[in-house]
Amino acid sequence: MLDLPRGDVREHSLPCDSVLREGQRSSIGVTGASPDANAQTLVTGTRHAPPAIRGRRVRIRYMTQTKARPPTFALFGNQLDSLPEDYVRYLTNGLRKSFDLIGTPLRFLMRTQKNPYAKK
């Protein structure tokens, strides 16, 4: 049992309230009119396109939320294993700003397609 001083109760409840609020925020799904459309707008490069890797453009086809706790997003495209950490951070910050997920850890799953013309 935790013994707290008998002073002002509000003083001790403020950190707890912020922890509970962040816990609720980290377990929510991205909601809105069309969360996948908002994420797609972020991904399609209306502001910043992904950088070219070895002279080839990285194409992110789409992104969707796969889990809600913690918020996990799957990106589908080509050469995503070579995507720079800076661009992943740009996506993270854009999602946090768009969906009010400040302080919430986000996870990304990079899903690449197999080359149908590669020799087996």
N, C-alpha and C. Protein backbone atom coordinates (compact mmCIF):
# COMPACT_ATOMS: atom_id res chain seq x y z
N MET A 1 0.85 -1.17 0.00
CA MET A 1 0.00 0.00 0.00
C MET A 1 0.89 1.24 0.00
N LEU A 2 0.51 2.22 -0.76
CA LEU A 2 1.27 3.45 -0.89
C LEU A 2 0.71 4.50 0.07
N ASP A 3 1.54 5.02 0.94
CA ASP A 3 1.12 6.06 1.88
C ASP A 3 1.42 7.42 1.27
N LEU A 4 0.38 8.21 1.06
CA LEU A 4 0.53 9.55 0.53
C LEU A 4 0.27 10.56 1.63
N PRO A 5 0.93 11.70 1.60
CA PRO A 5 0.65 12.73 2.60
C PRO A 5 -0.78 13.23 2.45
N ARG A 6 -1.34 13.76 3.52
CA ARG A 6 -2.73 14.19 3.53
C ARG A 6 -2.91 15.60 3.02
N GLY A 7 -2.06 16.05 2.17
CA GLY A 7 -2.14 17.41 1.64
C GLY A 7 -3.18 17.50 0.54
N ASP A 8 -2.92 18.35 -0.41
CA ASP A 8 -3.83 18.59 -1.52
C ASP A 8 -3.87 17.36 -2.43
N VAL A 9 -5.05 16.80 -2.63
CA VAL A 9 -5.21 15.60 -3.44
C VAL A 9 -4.96 15.90 -4.91
N ARG A 10 -5.33 17.08 -5.36
CA ARG A 10 -5.13 17.43 -6.77
C ARG A 10 -3.66 17.41 -7.16
N GLU A 11 -2.80 17.75 -6.24
CA GLU A 11 -1.37 17.76 -6.52
C GLU A 11 -0.87 16.37 -6.92
N HIS A 12 -1.42 15.33 -6.32
CA HIS A 12 -0.98 13.97 -6.60
C HIS A 12 -1.74 13.35 -7.76
N SER A 13 -2.87 13.90 -8.13
CA SER A 13 -3.65 13.30 -9.21
C SER A 13 -3.24 13.81 -10.59
N LEU A 14 -2.55 14.94 -10.67
CA LEU A 14 -2.18 15.47 -11.99
C LEU A 14 -1.27 14.54 -12.79
N PRO A 15 -0.18 14.03 -12.24
CA PRO A 15 0.63 13.11 -13.04
C PRO A 15 -0.14 11.85 -13.42
N CYS A 16 -0.97 11.36 -12.52
CA CYS A 16 -1.75 10.17 -12.81
C CYS A 16 -2.74 10.41 -13.94
N ASP A 17 -3.38 11.58 -13.94
CA ASP A 17 -4.33 11.91 -15.00
C ASP A 17 -3.64 11.96 -16.35
N SER A 18 -2.46 12.55 -16.41
CA SER A 18 -1.76 12.64 -17.69
C SER A 18 -1.31 11.26 -18.16
N VAL A 19 -0.92 10.39 -17.23
CA VAL A 19 -0.53 9.03 -17.61
C VAL A 19 -1.73 8.27 -18.15
N LEU A 20 -2.89 8.39 -17.49
CA LEU A 20 -4.10 7.73 -17.98
C LEU A 20 -4.53 8.26 -19.34
N ARG A 21 -4.42 9.57 -19.53
CA ARG A 21 -4.80 10.17 -20.80
C ARG A 21 -3.90 9.67 -21.93
N GLU A 22 -2.60 9.60 -21.66
CA GLU A 22 -1.67 9.09 -22.68
C GLU A 22 -1.91 7.61 -22.94
N GLY A 23 -2.27 6.85 -21.91
CA GLY A 23 -2.57 5.44 -22.09
C GLY A 23 -3.79 5.24 -22.97
N GLN A 24 -4.82 6.05 -22.76
CA GLN A 24 -6.00 5.96 -23.60
C GLN A 24 -5.69 6.39 -25.03
N ARG A 25 -4.87 7.41 -25.18
CA ARG A 25 -4.54 7.91 -26.51
C ARG A 25 -3.72 6.89 -27.29
N SER A 26 -2.85 6.13 -26.58
CA SER A 26 -1.99 5.18 -27.28
C SER A 26 -2.73 3.93 -27.71
N SER A 27 -3.93 3.69 -27.18
CA SER A 27 -4.65 2.47 -27.53
C SER A 27 -5.83 2.75 -28.46
N ILE A 28 -5.92 3.94 -29.01
CA ILE A 28 -7.05 4.24 -29.88
C ILE A 28 -6.68 3.95 -31.32
N GLY A 29 -7.69 3.70 -32.09
CA GLY A 29 -7.49 3.60 -33.52
C GLY A 29 -7.59 4.99 -34.12
N VAL A 30 -6.97 5.18 -35.25
CA VAL A 30 -7.04 6.47 -35.91
C VAL A 30 -8.44 6.60 -36.48
N THR A 31 -9.15 7.64 -36.04
CA THR A 31 -10.52 7.82 -36.49
C THR A 31 -10.64 9.11 -37.26
N GLY A 32 -11.72 9.25 -37.92
CA GLY A 32 -11.98 10.45 -38.69
C GLY A 32 -12.87 10.10 -39.86
N ALA A 33 -13.03 11.04 -40.77
CA ALA A 33 -13.87 10.78 -41.93
C ALA A 33 -13.33 9.60 -42.72
N SER A 34 -12.06 9.59 -42.97
CA SER A 34 -11.43 8.49 -43.67
C SER A 34 -9.96 8.45 -43.28
N PRO A 35 -9.63 7.72 -42.21
CA PRO A 35 -8.24 7.73 -41.76
C PRO A 35 -7.27 7.21 -42.80
N ASP A 36 -7.68 6.21 -43.58
CA ASP A 36 -6.79 5.69 -44.61
C ASP A 36 -6.56 6.73 -45.70
N ALA A 37 -7.58 7.53 -46.01
CA ALA A 37 -7.41 8.58 -47.01
C ALA A 37 -6.47 9.66 -46.50
N ASN A 38 -6.59 10.00 -45.21
CA ASN A 38 -5.68 11.00 -44.64
C ASN A 38 -4.25 10.48 -44.62
N ALA A 39 -4.08 9.21 -44.26
CA ALA A 39 -2.75 8.62 -44.27
C ALA A 39 -2.23 8.54 -45.70
N GLN A 40 -3.11 8.23 -46.64
CA GLN A 40 -2.71 8.15 -48.04
C GLN A 40 -2.24 9.51 -48.55
N THR A 41 -2.90 10.57 -48.14
CA THR A 41 -2.47 11.91 -48.53
C THR A 41 -1.07 12.20 -48.01
N LEU A 42 -0.79 11.76 -46.80
CA LEU A 42 0.54 11.96 -46.24
C LEU A 42 1.58 11.16 -47.00
N VAL A 43 1.22 9.93 -47.40
CA VAL A 43 2.17 9.03 -48.04
C VAL A 43 2.41 9.36 -49.51
N THR A 44 1.40 9.81 -50.21
CA THR A 44 1.55 9.99 -51.65
C THR A 44 2.50 11.10 -52.02
N GLY A 45 2.95 11.84 -51.04
CA GLY A 45 3.99 12.82 -51.32
C GLY A 45 3.47 14.16 -51.77
N THR A 46 2.32 14.57 -51.25
CA THR A 46 1.83 15.89 -51.61
C THR A 46 2.79 16.97 -51.13
N ARG A 47 3.52 16.69 -50.04
CA ARG A 47 4.51 17.64 -49.55
C ARG A 47 5.92 17.19 -49.89
N HIS A 48 6.26 15.96 -49.46
CA HIS A 48 7.62 15.47 -49.67
C HIS A 48 7.55 14.05 -50.20
N ALA A 49 8.07 13.84 -51.37
CA ALA A 49 8.13 12.49 -51.94
C ALA A 49 9.28 11.73 -51.30
N PRO A 50 9.17 10.41 -51.22
CA PRO A 50 10.30 9.64 -50.68
C PRO A 50 11.54 9.82 -51.56
N PRO A 51 12.71 9.81 -50.98
CA PRO A 51 13.93 9.99 -51.77
C PRO A 51 14.21 8.80 -52.67
N ALA A 52 14.97 9.03 -53.72
CA ALA A 52 15.34 7.97 -54.65
C ALA A 52 16.47 7.14 -54.03
N ILE A 53 16.39 5.84 -54.20
CA ILE A 53 17.40 4.92 -53.71
C ILE A 53 18.11 4.31 -54.92
N ARG A 54 19.41 4.51 -55.04
CA ARG A 54 20.21 4.02 -56.16
C ARG A 54 19.60 4.42 -57.50
N GLY A 55 19.10 5.64 -57.56
CA GLY A 55 18.55 6.17 -58.80
C GLY A 55 17.13 5.71 -59.10
N ARG A 56 16.53 4.91 -58.25
CA ARG A 56 15.16 4.44 -58.46
C ARG A 56 14.24 5.06 -57.42
N ARG A 57 13.09 5.46 -57.87
CA ARG A 57 12.13 6.10 -56.99
C ARG A 57 11.46 5.07 -56.09
N VAL A 58 11.34 5.38 -54.81
CA VAL A 58 10.62 4.52 -53.88
C VAL A 58 9.14 4.85 -54.03
N ARG A 59 8.35 3.84 -54.31
CA ARG A 59 6.91 4.04 -54.48
C ARG A 59 6.17 3.41 -53.30
N ILE A 60 5.56 4.24 -52.50
CA ILE A 60 4.71 3.75 -51.42
C ILE A 60 3.31 3.70 -52.00
N ARG A 61 2.79 2.50 -52.16
CA ARG A 61 1.48 2.33 -52.79
C ARG A 61 0.35 2.80 -51.86
N TYR A 62 0.36 2.30 -50.65
CA TYR A 62 -0.64 2.76 -49.67
C TYR A 62 -0.19 2.40 -48.27
N MET A 63 -0.90 2.96 -47.29
CA MET A 63 -0.62 2.70 -45.89
C MET A 63 -1.95 2.53 -45.17
N THR A 64 -2.00 1.59 -44.25
CA THR A 64 -3.21 1.35 -43.49
C THR A 64 -2.85 1.01 -42.05
N GLN A 65 -3.78 1.24 -41.14
CA GLN A 65 -3.55 0.91 -39.74
C GLN A 65 -3.92 -0.54 -39.52
N THR A 66 -2.98 -1.32 -38.96
CA THR A 66 -3.22 -2.74 -38.75
C THR A 66 -3.56 -3.07 -37.30
N LYS A 67 -3.03 -2.31 -36.35
CA LYS A 67 -3.31 -2.53 -34.93
C LYS A 67 -3.57 -1.19 -34.26
N ALA A 68 -4.30 -1.26 -33.14
CA ALA A 68 -4.62 -0.03 -32.42
C ALA A 68 -3.80 0.13 -31.15
N ARG A 69 -3.23 -0.93 -30.64
CA ARG A 69 -2.51 -0.83 -29.38
C ARG A 69 -1.17 -1.52 -29.46
N PRO A 70 -0.07 -0.88 -29.65
CA PRO A 70 0.09 0.54 -30.00
C PRO A 70 -0.27 0.75 -31.46
N PRO A 71 -0.55 1.99 -31.86
CA PRO A 71 -0.91 2.24 -33.25
C PRO A 71 0.19 1.73 -34.19
N THR A 72 -0.19 0.79 -35.05
CA THR A 72 0.75 0.17 -35.98
C THR A 72 0.23 0.38 -37.39
N PHE A 73 1.10 0.83 -38.27
CA PHE A 73 0.73 1.11 -39.65
C PHE A 73 1.57 0.24 -40.58
N ALA A 74 0.94 -0.31 -41.61
CA ALA A 74 1.64 -1.11 -42.61
C ALA A 74 1.76 -0.27 -43.88
N LEU A 75 2.99 -0.17 -44.37
CA LEU A 75 3.25 0.52 -45.64
C LEU A 75 3.50 -0.53 -46.70
N PHE A 76 2.88 -0.37 -47.85
CA PHE A 76 3.06 -1.29 -48.96
C PHE A 76 3.70 -0.55 -50.11
N GLY A 77 4.74 -1.13 -50.69
CA GLY A 77 5.42 -0.48 -51.80
C GLY A 77 6.66 -1.25 -52.19
N ASN A 78 7.55 -0.58 -52.90
CA ASN A 78 8.80 -1.21 -53.33
C ASN A 78 9.98 -0.56 -52.62
N GLN A 79 11.03 -1.30 -52.41
CA GLN A 79 12.28 -0.84 -51.80
C GLN A 79 12.08 -0.20 -50.42
N LEU A 80 11.09 -0.63 -49.68
CA LEU A 80 10.83 -0.02 -48.38
C LEU A 80 11.88 -0.39 -47.34
N ASP A 81 12.60 -1.48 -47.56
CA ASP A 81 13.67 -1.82 -46.63
C ASP A 81 14.82 -0.83 -46.73
N SER A 82 14.91 -0.10 -47.84
CA SER A 82 15.96 0.92 -48.02
C SER A 82 15.46 2.33 -47.71
N LEU A 83 14.24 2.45 -47.23
CA LEU A 83 13.68 3.76 -46.93
C LEU A 83 14.47 4.39 -45.77
N PRO A 84 14.97 5.62 -45.95
CA PRO A 84 15.77 6.24 -44.90
C PRO A 84 14.97 6.49 -43.62
N GLU A 85 15.67 6.44 -42.51
CA GLU A 85 15.04 6.68 -41.21
C GLU A 85 14.45 8.09 -41.13
N ASP A 86 15.04 9.04 -41.84
CA ASP A 86 14.52 10.40 -41.85
C ASP A 86 13.10 10.45 -42.41
N TYR A 87 12.84 9.68 -43.47
CA TYR A 87 11.51 9.70 -44.08
C TYR A 87 10.50 8.99 -43.18
N VAL A 88 10.92 7.93 -42.49
CA VAL A 88 10.02 7.25 -41.55
C VAL A 88 9.68 8.20 -40.41
N ARG A 89 10.64 9.00 -39.96
CA ARG A 89 10.39 9.99 -38.92
C ARG A 89 9.43 11.07 -39.43
N TYR A 90 9.55 11.45 -40.72
CA TYR A 90 8.63 12.41 -41.32
C TYR A 90 7.20 11.85 -41.30
N LEU A 91 7.05 10.57 -41.65
CA LEU A 91 5.72 9.95 -41.62
C LEU A 91 5.17 9.89 -40.19
N THR A 92 6.04 9.55 -39.25
CA THR A 92 5.63 9.48 -37.85
C THR A 92 5.14 10.83 -37.35
N ASN A 93 5.91 11.87 -37.62
CA ASN A 93 5.52 13.21 -37.17
C ASN A 93 4.26 13.70 -37.87
N GLY A 94 4.10 13.37 -39.14
CA GLY A 94 2.88 13.76 -39.86
C GLY A 94 1.64 13.08 -39.30
N LEU A 95 1.75 11.79 -38.98
CA LEU A 95 0.61 11.08 -38.38
C LEU A 95 0.30 11.61 -36.98
N ARG A 96 1.34 11.88 -36.22
CA ARG A 96 1.11 12.41 -34.87
C ARG A 96 0.42 13.76 -34.91
N LYS A 97 0.80 14.59 -35.86
CA LYS A 97 0.18 15.91 -35.98
C LYS A 97 -1.24 15.81 -36.51
N SER A 98 -1.47 14.97 -37.51
CA SER A 98 -2.79 14.86 -38.13
C SER A 98 -3.83 14.25 -37.20
N PHE A 99 -3.43 13.27 -36.40
CA PHE A 99 -4.40 12.53 -35.60
C PHE A 99 -4.23 12.74 -34.10
N ASP A 100 -3.50 13.79 -33.69
CA ASP A 100 -3.32 14.14 -32.28
C ASP A 100 -2.80 12.95 -31.48
N LEU A 101 -1.68 12.40 -31.92
CA LEU A 101 -1.05 11.27 -31.24
C LEU A 101 0.28 11.69 -30.64
N ILE A 102 0.33 12.90 -30.11
CA ILE A 102 1.56 13.43 -29.55
C ILE A 102 2.00 12.56 -28.37
N GLY A 103 3.25 12.12 -28.39
CA GLY A 103 3.78 11.31 -27.30
C GLY A 103 3.43 9.83 -27.40
N THR A 104 2.71 9.43 -28.42
CA THR A 104 2.32 8.04 -28.58
C THR A 104 3.32 7.32 -29.48
N PRO A 105 3.83 6.18 -29.07
CA PRO A 105 4.75 5.46 -29.94
C PRO A 105 4.00 4.86 -31.14
N LEU A 106 4.55 5.03 -32.31
CA LEU A 106 3.96 4.47 -33.53
C LEU A 106 4.89 3.43 -34.10
N ARG A 107 4.32 2.38 -34.65
CA ARG A 107 5.11 1.33 -35.29
C ARG A 107 4.76 1.28 -36.77
N PHE A 108 5.77 0.94 -37.55
CA PHE A 108 5.58 0.80 -39.00
C PHE A 108 6.04 -0.58 -39.43
N LEU A 109 5.23 -1.23 -40.25
CA LEU A 109 5.59 -2.50 -40.86
C LEU A 109 5.80 -2.22 -42.35
N MET A 110 6.98 -2.55 -42.84
CA MET A 110 7.30 -2.31 -44.25
C MET A 110 7.01 -3.59 -45.04
N ARG A 111 6.06 -3.52 -45.95
CA ARG A 111 5.68 -4.69 -46.75
C ARG A 111 6.06 -4.42 -48.20
N THR A 112 7.00 -5.19 -48.70
CA THR A 112 7.42 -5.04 -50.08
C THR A 112 6.84 -6.18 -50.91
N GLN A 113 6.66 -5.90 -52.18
CA GLN A 113 6.15 -6.92 -53.10
C GLN A 113 7.32 -7.66 -53.72
N LYS A 114 7.08 -8.90 -54.06
CA LYS A 114 8.11 -9.67 -54.73
C LYS A 114 8.13 -9.31 -56.21
N ASN A 115 9.31 -9.32 -56.78
CA ASN A 115 9.47 -9.00 -58.19
C ASN A 115 9.01 -10.22 -59.01
N PRO A 116 7.98 -10.05 -59.84
CA PRO A 116 7.50 -11.19 -60.62
C PRO A 116 8.47 -11.58 -61.73
N TYR A 117 9.40 -10.71 -62.08
CA TYR A 117 10.32 -11.00 -63.17
C TYR A 117 11.68 -11.52 -62.68
N ALA A 118 11.86 -11.57 -61.38
CA ALA A 118 13.12 -12.09 -60.83
C ALA A 118 13.17 -13.61 -61.03
N LYS A 119 14.37 -14.11 -61.27
CA LYS A 119 14.52 -15.55 -61.46
C LYS A 119 14.35 -16.26 -60.12
N LYS A 120 13.65 -17.36 -60.19
CA LYS A 120 13.33 -18.08 -58.95
C LYS A 120 14.39 -19.06 -58.59
